[in-house]
Every structure is written in structure tokens, then in C-alpha cells.
Protein backbone atom coordinates (compact mmCIF):
# COMPACT_ATOMS: atom_id res chain seq x y z
CA GLN A 1 30.36 -64.25 23.41
CA VAL A 2 33.58 -65.83 22.31
CA LYS A 3 36.29 -63.26 21.59
CA ILE A 4 38.76 -64.03 18.82
CA GLY A 5 41.16 -61.17 18.25
CA ASP A 6 39.05 -58.03 17.99
CA ASP A 7 35.96 -59.91 16.80
CA CYS A 8 33.18 -61.33 18.96
CA MET A 9 30.96 -64.12 17.81
CA ASN A 10 27.96 -65.92 19.24
CA LEU A 11 28.48 -68.79 21.60
CA LYS A 12 27.54 -72.04 19.84
CA ILE A 13 25.58 -74.39 22.07
CA GLY A 14 24.66 -78.07 22.05
CA ILE A 15 21.98 -79.53 24.27
CA ILE A 16 22.01 -83.16 25.34
CA GLY A 17 18.69 -84.62 26.49
CA GLY A 18 16.61 -81.96 24.76
CA ALA A 19 13.11 -83.39 25.27
CA GLY A 20 12.80 -82.88 29.04
CA TYR A 21 11.40 -79.98 31.05
CA THR A 22 14.80 -78.47 31.91
CA ALA A 23 15.88 -78.48 28.27
CA GLY A 24 12.60 -76.84 27.26
CA GLU A 25 13.19 -73.96 29.67
CA LEU A 26 16.82 -73.69 28.55
CA LEU A 27 15.74 -73.57 24.90
CA ARG A 28 13.21 -70.83 25.65
CA ILE A 29 15.95 -68.71 27.22
CA LEU A 30 18.61 -69.42 24.59
CA LEU A 31 16.34 -68.85 21.59
CA ASN A 32 15.82 -65.30 22.84
CA HIS A 33 19.43 -64.66 23.81
CA PRO A 34 21.20 -62.36 21.32
CA GLU A 35 24.62 -63.96 21.88
CA ALA A 36 23.60 -67.64 21.75
CA GLU A 37 23.36 -69.89 18.72
CA ILE A 38 21.96 -73.39 19.15
CA GLY A 39 24.04 -75.85 17.14
CA PHE A 40 22.13 -79.02 17.97
CA VAL A 41 19.54 -80.43 20.33
CA GLN A 42 20.04 -84.14 20.96
CA SER A 43 17.21 -86.50 21.91
CA THR A 44 17.20 -90.22 21.34
CA SER A 45 13.45 -90.59 21.81
CA ASN A 46 12.45 -87.63 19.60
CA SER A 47 15.05 -87.64 16.84
CA GLY A 48 13.63 -86.10 13.67
CA ASN A 49 10.75 -84.35 15.44
CA LEU A 50 10.41 -80.59 15.59
CA ILE A 51 11.38 -79.20 18.96
CA SER A 52 8.07 -77.34 19.05
CA ASP A 53 6.22 -80.68 18.77
CA VAL A 54 7.56 -81.57 22.22
CA HIS A 55 7.96 -78.10 23.73
CA ILE A 56 4.71 -76.64 22.43
CA ASP A 57 5.36 -73.26 24.06
CA LEU A 58 8.12 -72.83 21.44
CA LEU A 59 5.70 -73.16 18.50
CA GLY A 60 6.59 -70.41 16.04
CA GLU A 61 9.85 -69.65 17.88
CA THR A 62 12.09 -72.20 16.15
CA ASP A 63 12.19 -74.71 13.35
CA LEU A 64 14.98 -76.72 15.01
CA VAL A 65 14.67 -80.51 14.92
CA PHE A 66 15.87 -83.02 17.53
CA THR A 67 18.81 -85.15 16.42
CA THR A 68 20.80 -88.11 17.65
CA GLU A 69 23.96 -86.55 16.19
CA MET A 70 26.27 -84.76 18.59
CA PRO A 71 28.84 -82.77 16.57
CA PHE A 72 30.84 -81.60 19.58
CA GLU A 73 33.47 -79.99 17.36
CA MET A 74 30.84 -77.52 16.09
CA VAL A 75 29.89 -76.10 19.50
CA ASP A 76 31.64 -74.21 22.28
CA VAL A 77 29.55 -75.51 25.17
CA ILE A 78 27.10 -78.31 25.86
CA PHE A 79 24.34 -78.38 28.41
CA LEU A 80 23.59 -81.77 29.92
CA CYS A 81 19.82 -81.88 30.53
CA MET A 82 19.50 -85.52 31.45
CA GLY A 83 18.12 -87.27 34.49
CA HIS A 84 20.19 -87.56 37.62
CA GLY A 85 22.92 -90.16 37.24
CA LYS A 86 22.97 -89.90 33.44
CA SER A 87 25.44 -87.00 33.13
CA VAL A 88 28.32 -88.88 34.74
CA GLU A 89 27.60 -91.81 32.44
CA PHE A 90 27.49 -89.50 29.41
CA VAL A 91 30.82 -87.81 30.22
CA GLU A 92 32.49 -91.17 30.86
CA ASN A 93 31.17 -92.77 27.65
CA ASN A 94 31.82 -90.00 25.12
CA GLU A 95 35.01 -88.55 23.70
CA LEU A 96 34.61 -84.84 24.34
CA PRO A 97 37.04 -82.27 22.89
CA ASP A 98 39.32 -80.63 25.45
CA SER A 99 38.09 -77.21 24.34
CA LEU A 100 34.43 -78.06 25.02
CA LYS A 101 32.82 -76.49 28.07
CA ILE A 102 30.14 -78.47 29.92
CA ILE A 103 27.30 -77.19 32.06
CA ASP A 104 25.50 -79.99 33.86
CA LEU A 105 21.92 -79.30 34.93
CA SER A 106 21.55 -82.54 36.93
CA HIS A 107 22.98 -83.16 40.39
CA ASP A 108 25.76 -85.47 39.20
CA PHE A 109 28.73 -83.11 39.59
CA ARG A 110 27.55 -80.79 42.38
CA LEU A 111 29.52 -82.48 45.15
CA LYS A 112 33.32 -82.46 45.07
CA ARG A 113 34.76 -85.94 44.53
CA ASP A 114 37.99 -87.36 43.11
CA GLY A 115 38.11 -86.74 39.38
CA ASN A 116 35.33 -84.13 39.48
CA ASP A 117 36.66 -80.89 37.99
CA PHE A 118 33.24 -79.17 37.88
CA VAL A 119 32.85 -75.84 39.67
CA TYR A 120 29.67 -75.48 41.70
CA GLY A 121 27.76 -72.84 39.74
CA LEU A 122 26.25 -70.66 42.46
CA PRO A 123 27.53 -67.16 41.57
CA GLU A 124 27.00 -65.80 45.07
CA LEU A 125 29.43 -68.43 46.31
CA ASN A 126 31.85 -69.07 43.41
CA ARG A 127 31.64 -66.08 41.06
CA ASP A 128 35.36 -65.88 40.23
CA GLU A 129 35.79 -69.65 39.82
CA ILE A 130 32.77 -69.82 37.47
CA LYS A 131 34.29 -67.20 35.17
CA LEU A 132 37.37 -69.39 34.64
CA ALA A 133 35.69 -72.80 34.78
CA LYS A 134 35.70 -75.31 31.95
CA ASN A 135 32.94 -77.36 33.57
CA ILE A 136 30.09 -76.07 35.72
CA ALA A 137 27.67 -78.00 37.93
CA ASN A 138 24.47 -75.99 37.99
CA PRO A 139 22.85 -75.84 41.43
CA GLY A 140 19.23 -76.90 41.55
CA CYS A 141 16.32 -74.67 42.44
CA PHE A 142 15.93 -76.00 46.00
CA ALA A 143 19.68 -75.88 46.63
CA THR A 144 19.84 -72.31 45.33
CA GLY A 145 16.91 -71.13 47.43
CA ILE A 146 18.21 -72.77 50.58
CA GLN A 147 21.78 -71.58 50.11
CA LEU A 148 20.81 -67.99 49.31
CA ALA A 149 18.79 -67.93 52.52
CA LEU A 150 21.55 -69.45 54.63
CA LEU A 151 24.74 -67.92 53.18
CA PRO A 152 24.35 -64.55 54.96
CA LEU A 153 23.85 -66.36 58.27
CA ALA A 154 26.84 -68.64 57.65
CA GLY A 155 28.97 -65.67 56.55
CA ASN A 156 28.26 -63.98 59.87
CA ASN A 157 28.82 -67.13 61.96
CA LEU A 158 25.16 -67.18 63.02
CA LEU A 159 24.56 -70.86 62.30
CA THR A 160 25.25 -72.58 65.59
CA GLY A 161 23.69 -75.99 64.99
CA GLU A 162 22.04 -78.20 62.45
CA VAL A 163 19.73 -76.64 59.92
CA HIS A 164 16.64 -78.49 58.76
CA VAL A 165 14.75 -77.37 55.68
CA GLN A 166 11.44 -78.64 54.41
CA ALA A 167 10.80 -77.72 50.80
CA ILE A 168 7.81 -78.75 48.72
CA THR A 169 7.16 -78.42 45.00
């Protein structure tokens, strides 16, 4: 929720790249979240189509339609649900309001680099920083699983050499 004075209001959300798998899962969660309001779902390839035409598991859950419009001034946060490499391009090529929060679901901002002000969004590692962050780089499922398994060992100085992980989807 966004708190303004003594009043709380729903967080208004925009989704960029709304036709993919990640966006579909995000939509399923947000449509059932009592404090979230979806402002727009952008998709170049599906503009004008019902979201439930693409994400058929949402049939009867929403009458939202994909759009090419991105009214950033009408939302508090955007989720970037694009393929790897596309989020950096999107941020560089769009004028985004300073007040807009960004959560990137690709791998583009996970590693610290010059000019990258995204906080790595693993709560077990960066809980306090996430609370104050303007931009969050969401860790992926493999990264999360691997890190949650290794963090207790690292925290107790029990990792004495290289770690090799094989993960299969």
C-alpha cells in the first residue's frame, strides 16, 4: 500500500511485456492481491487482445486488455517481464518518472555494475535494502534456490572451495 497522510491506497501497477510466462504468473498473483491495482499491461504483439486470450488460466478472472500505451504517470511501480537483455534497453530508451519504482524480472540488473542502482531482491540477503529501494532486480528461480541452500554455509564460513551446481528444468 501507498500511505498518504492517514490514508492508504492500493499500489497501482504497470506490467511491461505482459504476454510472456512470467507476466502471466505475475498477473495471477496480482489479480488476487487485495492491495494491488493493475493500471496497464503492455504487449506489442497482443495489443487489443484480452489478457485471458493469451493467459487462458485467467479466463473469468479479468477483463483487462493488452495495450501498447504505457502511462507511467498513472502507476507507482512497473514490472519488467521481458526477455533477458531487453530490460536494460527499455530503461535506457524510455523517459521514466523519478517517482516510478521498477522491478525487473529478467537478469539484466542482477549484477552490480556502474550506473546500476538496482538492489538485488533476495530478502534473505538484502531485506533492509529492498524496503528502501527504488529499483529491484528480482533473483531468478535457480539463483534463489542455489543461494538459499548456500547462504547458511557461507554465513558460517563452511565454503572452502569452488561450488558447482547442476540444475535442470
